[in-house]
Amino acid sequence: MGIALWLVCALVVVFTIRNIRFGRPIGWIAELFAIVIGAMLLGGVATALDFGGWDELDWRAGVFVLFGSFAIGGAIRCGRLFTRRRGEAEKSV
């Protein structure tokens, strides 16, 4: 059940940040994979920190994964803004 909680938190983050236009990549698959994989890693860290586990629901693990996934999504978008060519950046904003 804990893994399902981590996955739901990751999907909430993906659907939330897809509504934010600033820095949004055209393709969403890479962003989805990065956030889901990051959420699973954060869930493993939460298990190591004894915030529940992979087989039990715990609100602390959910909050940890949710905020960590938002940070991962923000880092992806921020990194994308700084690595785009100048013409691309002006068109999308």
N, C-alpha and C. Protein backbone atom coordinates (compact mmCIF):
# COMPACT_ATOMS: atom_id res chain seq x y z
N MET A 1 0.81 -1.20 0.00
CA MET A 1 0.00 0.00 0.00
C MET A 1 0.86 1.27 0.00
N GLY A 2 2.02 1.22 0.60
CA GLY A 2 2.89 2.39 0.61
C GLY A 2 3.35 2.78 -0.77
N ILE A 3 3.64 1.78 -1.60
CA ILE A 3 4.07 2.07 -2.97
C ILE A 3 2.94 2.73 -3.75
N ALA A 4 1.72 2.31 -3.51
CA ALA A 4 0.57 2.95 -4.16
C ALA A 4 0.45 4.41 -3.73
N LEU A 5 0.69 4.67 -2.46
CA LEU A 5 0.66 6.06 -1.96
C LEU A 5 1.73 6.90 -2.65
N TRP A 6 2.92 6.36 -2.80
CA TRP A 6 4.00 7.09 -3.47
C TRP A 6 3.63 7.38 -4.92
N LEU A 7 3.04 6.40 -5.60
CA LEU A 7 2.65 6.58 -6.99
C LEU A 7 1.54 7.62 -7.12
N VAL A 8 0.57 7.59 -6.22
CA VAL A 8 -0.50 8.59 -6.25
C VAL A 8 0.06 9.99 -6.01
N CYS A 9 0.98 10.11 -5.08
CA CYS A 9 1.62 11.42 -4.84
C CYS A 9 2.35 11.90 -6.08
N ALA A 10 3.04 11.02 -6.77
CA ALA A 10 3.75 11.40 -7.99
C ALA A 10 2.77 11.84 -9.08
N LEU A 11 1.67 11.13 -9.22
CA LEU A 11 0.69 11.50 -10.25
C LEU A 11 0.00 12.82 -9.92
N VAL A 12 -0.24 13.08 -8.64
CA VAL A 12 -0.81 14.37 -8.25
C VAL A 12 0.15 15.50 -8.64
N VAL A 13 1.42 15.28 -8.42
CA VAL A 13 2.42 16.30 -8.77
C VAL A 13 2.46 16.50 -10.28
N VAL A 14 2.45 15.42 -11.05
CA VAL A 14 2.51 15.53 -12.51
C VAL A 14 1.31 16.30 -13.03
N PHE A 15 0.12 15.96 -12.58
CA PHE A 15 -1.07 16.64 -13.07
C PHE A 15 -1.15 18.09 -12.58
N THR A 16 -0.59 18.37 -11.44
CA THR A 16 -0.57 19.75 -10.93
C THR A 16 0.40 20.61 -11.72
N ILE A 17 1.62 20.12 -11.93
CA ILE A 17 2.59 20.97 -12.62
C ILE A 17 2.34 21.04 -14.13
N ARG A 18 1.56 20.13 -14.68
CA ARG A 18 1.21 20.24 -16.10
C ARG A 18 0.32 21.45 -16.34
N ASN A 19 -0.38 21.93 -15.31
CA ASN A 19 -1.23 23.11 -15.45
C ASN A 19 -0.45 24.42 -15.32
N ILE A 20 0.81 24.35 -14.97
CA ILE A 20 1.65 25.54 -14.86
C ILE A 20 2.40 25.69 -16.18
N ARG A 21 2.16 26.77 -16.88
CA ARG A 21 2.69 26.93 -18.23
C ARG A 21 4.19 27.25 -18.24
N PHE A 22 4.66 27.95 -17.23
CA PHE A 22 6.04 28.44 -17.23
C PHE A 22 7.03 27.28 -17.21
N GLY A 23 7.84 27.18 -18.24
CA GLY A 23 8.86 26.15 -18.32
C GLY A 23 8.35 24.79 -18.73
N ARG A 24 7.10 24.68 -19.13
CA ARG A 24 6.52 23.38 -19.47
C ARG A 24 7.15 22.84 -20.75
N PRO A 25 7.68 21.62 -20.69
CA PRO A 25 8.19 21.03 -21.91
C PRO A 25 7.05 20.57 -22.81
N ILE A 26 7.32 20.47 -24.08
CA ILE A 26 6.27 20.04 -25.00
C ILE A 26 5.91 18.57 -24.73
N GLY A 27 6.90 17.74 -24.57
CA GLY A 27 6.65 16.34 -24.26
C GLY A 27 6.52 16.15 -22.76
N TRP A 28 5.53 15.41 -22.33
CA TRP A 28 5.29 15.23 -20.90
C TRP A 28 5.74 13.86 -20.41
N ILE A 29 6.10 12.96 -21.31
CA ILE A 29 6.47 11.60 -20.91
C ILE A 29 7.75 11.60 -20.09
N ALA A 30 8.75 12.34 -20.51
CA ALA A 30 10.03 12.37 -19.78
C ALA A 30 9.83 12.97 -18.39
N GLU A 31 9.01 14.00 -18.31
CA GLU A 31 8.72 14.62 -17.02
C GLU A 31 7.98 13.63 -16.10
N LEU A 32 7.05 12.89 -16.65
CA LEU A 32 6.31 11.88 -15.89
C LEU A 32 7.25 10.81 -15.35
N PHE A 33 8.11 10.27 -16.21
CA PHE A 33 9.04 9.23 -15.77
C PHE A 33 10.00 9.73 -14.70
N ALA A 34 10.51 10.94 -14.87
CA ALA A 34 11.45 11.48 -13.89
C ALA A 34 10.79 11.65 -12.53
N ILE A 35 9.56 12.14 -12.52
CA ILE A 35 8.87 12.37 -11.24
C ILE A 35 8.47 11.05 -10.60
N VAL A 36 8.01 10.09 -11.38
CA VAL A 36 7.62 8.79 -10.81
C VAL A 36 8.84 8.05 -10.26
N ILE A 37 9.93 8.05 -11.00
CA ILE A 37 11.14 7.38 -10.51
C ILE A 37 11.67 8.10 -9.27
N GLY A 38 11.64 9.43 -9.29
CA GLY A 38 12.06 10.19 -8.12
C GLY A 38 11.18 9.92 -6.91
N ALA A 39 9.87 9.77 -7.13
CA ALA A 39 8.95 9.47 -6.03
C ALA A 39 9.23 8.10 -5.44
N MET A 40 9.56 7.14 -6.28
CA MET A 40 9.88 5.81 -5.76
C MET A 40 11.19 5.84 -4.95
N LEU A 41 12.16 6.61 -5.41
CA LEU A 41 13.40 6.75 -4.65
C LEU A 41 13.16 7.47 -3.33
N LEU A 42 12.34 8.52 -3.37
CA LEU A 42 12.01 9.23 -2.14
C LEU A 42 11.21 8.34 -1.19
N GLY A 43 10.37 7.48 -1.73
CA GLY A 43 9.65 6.53 -0.89
C GLY A 43 10.60 5.55 -0.21
N GLY A 44 11.63 5.14 -0.93
CA GLY A 44 12.65 4.28 -0.32
C GLY A 44 13.40 5.00 0.79
N VAL A 45 13.67 6.28 0.57
CA VAL A 45 14.33 7.07 1.62
C VAL A 45 13.39 7.22 2.82
N ALA A 46 12.10 7.44 2.55
CA ALA A 46 11.13 7.54 3.64
C ALA A 46 11.04 6.24 4.43
N THR A 47 11.14 5.13 3.75
CA THR A 47 11.15 3.84 4.44
C THR A 47 12.40 3.70 5.30
N ALA A 48 13.53 4.13 4.77
CA ALA A 48 14.78 4.07 5.55
C ALA A 48 14.72 4.98 6.77
N LEU A 49 13.99 6.10 6.65
CA LEU A 49 13.83 7.01 7.77
C LEU A 49 12.70 6.59 8.71
N ASP A 50 12.09 5.44 8.42
CA ASP A 50 11.02 4.86 9.23
C ASP A 50 9.74 5.69 9.19
N PHE A 51 9.45 6.28 8.03
CA PHE A 51 8.16 6.94 7.80
C PHE A 51 7.24 5.93 7.13
N GLY A 52 6.80 4.93 7.83
CA GLY A 52 5.97 3.91 7.22
C GLY A 52 6.84 2.89 6.52
N GLY A 53 6.45 2.50 5.35
CA GLY A 53 7.20 1.52 4.59
C GLY A 53 6.56 1.28 3.24
N TRP A 54 7.09 0.33 2.50
CA TRP A 54 6.55 0.06 1.18
C TRP A 54 5.23 -0.69 1.26
N ASP A 55 4.91 -1.30 2.39
CA ASP A 55 3.68 -2.08 2.50
C ASP A 55 2.64 -1.50 3.45
N GLU A 56 2.88 -0.28 3.97
CA GLU A 56 1.91 0.34 4.87
C GLU A 56 1.77 1.82 4.56
N LEU A 57 0.56 2.33 4.75
CA LEU A 57 0.30 3.75 4.52
C LEU A 57 0.75 4.57 5.72
N ASP A 58 1.39 5.66 5.46
CA ASP A 58 1.78 6.58 6.52
C ASP A 58 1.76 7.99 5.94
N TRP A 59 1.09 8.90 6.61
CA TRP A 59 0.95 10.25 6.10
C TRP A 59 2.29 10.96 5.99
N ARG A 60 3.24 10.62 6.87
CA ARG A 60 4.55 11.27 6.82
C ARG A 60 5.29 10.92 5.53
N ALA A 61 5.18 9.66 5.12
CA ALA A 61 5.81 9.25 3.86
C ALA A 61 5.14 9.95 2.69
N GLY A 62 3.82 10.08 2.74
CA GLY A 62 3.10 10.76 1.67
C GLY A 62 3.50 12.21 1.52
N VAL A 63 3.62 12.91 2.64
CA VAL A 63 4.03 14.31 2.61
C VAL A 63 5.47 14.44 2.12
N PHE A 64 6.34 13.55 2.59
CA PHE A 64 7.75 13.56 2.18
C PHE A 64 7.87 13.36 0.67
N VAL A 65 7.15 12.38 0.14
CA VAL A 65 7.21 12.09 -1.29
C VAL A 65 6.55 13.20 -2.10
N LEU A 66 5.45 13.75 -1.61
CA LEU A 66 4.75 14.81 -2.33
C LEU A 66 5.63 16.05 -2.49
N PHE A 67 6.19 16.53 -1.38
CA PHE A 67 7.04 17.72 -1.46
C PHE A 67 8.34 17.45 -2.21
N GLY A 68 8.89 16.26 -2.04
CA GLY A 68 10.10 15.91 -2.78
C GLY A 68 9.85 15.83 -4.27
N SER A 69 8.68 15.32 -4.67
CA SER A 69 8.33 15.25 -6.08
C SER A 69 8.11 16.64 -6.67
N PHE A 70 7.51 17.54 -5.89
CA PHE A 70 7.38 18.92 -6.36
C PHE A 70 8.77 19.53 -6.57
N ALA A 71 9.70 19.24 -5.69
CA ALA A 71 11.06 19.76 -5.84
C ALA A 71 11.73 19.19 -7.09
N ILE A 72 11.52 17.92 -7.35
CA ILE A 72 12.08 17.30 -8.55
C ILE A 72 11.49 17.93 -9.81
N GLY A 73 10.18 18.10 -9.83
CA GLY A 73 9.53 18.74 -10.97
C GLY A 73 10.00 20.16 -11.19
N GLY A 74 10.18 20.90 -10.10
CA GLY A 74 10.69 22.27 -10.22
C GLY A 74 12.12 22.30 -10.73
N ALA A 75 12.93 21.37 -10.27
CA ALA A 75 14.32 21.31 -10.72
C ALA A 75 14.40 20.96 -12.20
N ILE A 76 13.52 20.08 -12.65
CA ILE A 76 13.50 19.71 -14.08
C ILE A 76 13.14 20.93 -14.92
N ARG A 77 12.10 21.64 -14.50
CA ARG A 77 11.67 22.81 -15.27
C ARG A 77 12.71 23.93 -15.23
N CYS A 78 13.30 24.15 -14.09
CA CYS A 78 14.33 25.19 -13.96
C CYS A 78 15.54 24.85 -14.82
N GLY A 79 15.95 23.60 -14.79
CA GLY A 79 17.06 23.16 -15.62
C GLY A 79 16.75 23.28 -17.09
N ARG A 80 15.51 23.00 -17.46
CA ARG A 80 15.11 23.12 -18.86
C ARG A 80 15.15 24.58 -19.32
N LEU A 81 14.75 25.50 -18.44
CA LEU A 81 14.79 26.92 -18.82
C LEU A 81 16.20 27.40 -19.08
N PHE A 82 17.16 26.90 -18.32
CA PHE A 82 18.54 27.36 -18.48
C PHE A 82 19.29 26.64 -19.59
N THR A 83 18.75 25.55 -20.11
CA THR A 83 19.45 24.82 -21.16
C THR A 83 18.83 25.01 -22.54
N ARG A 84 17.72 25.74 -22.64
CA ARG A 84 17.11 25.97 -23.95
C ARG A 84 17.85 27.05 -24.71
N ARG A 85 17.69 27.00 -26.01
CA ARG A 85 18.24 28.07 -26.84
C ARG A 85 17.41 29.33 -26.65
N ARG A 86 17.96 30.45 -26.98
CA ARG A 86 17.30 31.73 -26.72
C ARG A 86 15.97 31.87 -27.47
N GLY A 87 15.89 31.48 -28.69
CA GLY A 87 14.67 31.59 -29.46
C GLY A 87 13.53 30.75 -28.89
N GLU A 88 13.85 29.54 -28.42
CA GLU A 88 12.83 28.67 -27.83
C GLU A 88 12.27 29.27 -26.56
N ALA A 89 13.12 29.84 -25.74
CA ALA A 89 12.70 30.37 -24.46
C ALA A 89 11.75 31.56 -24.65
N GLU A 90 12.00 32.39 -25.66
CA GLU A 90 11.15 33.54 -25.87
C GLU A 90 9.80 33.15 -26.43
N LYS A 91 9.71 32.09 -27.21
CA LYS A 91 8.44 31.66 -27.77
C LYS A 91 7.50 31.07 -26.73
N SER A 92 8.04 30.36 -25.74
CA SER A 92 7.19 29.63 -24.82
C SER A 92 6.65 30.48 -23.68
N VAL A 93 7.27 31.62 -23.41
CA VAL A 93 6.81 32.43 -22.25
C VAL A 93 5.88 33.52 -22.69
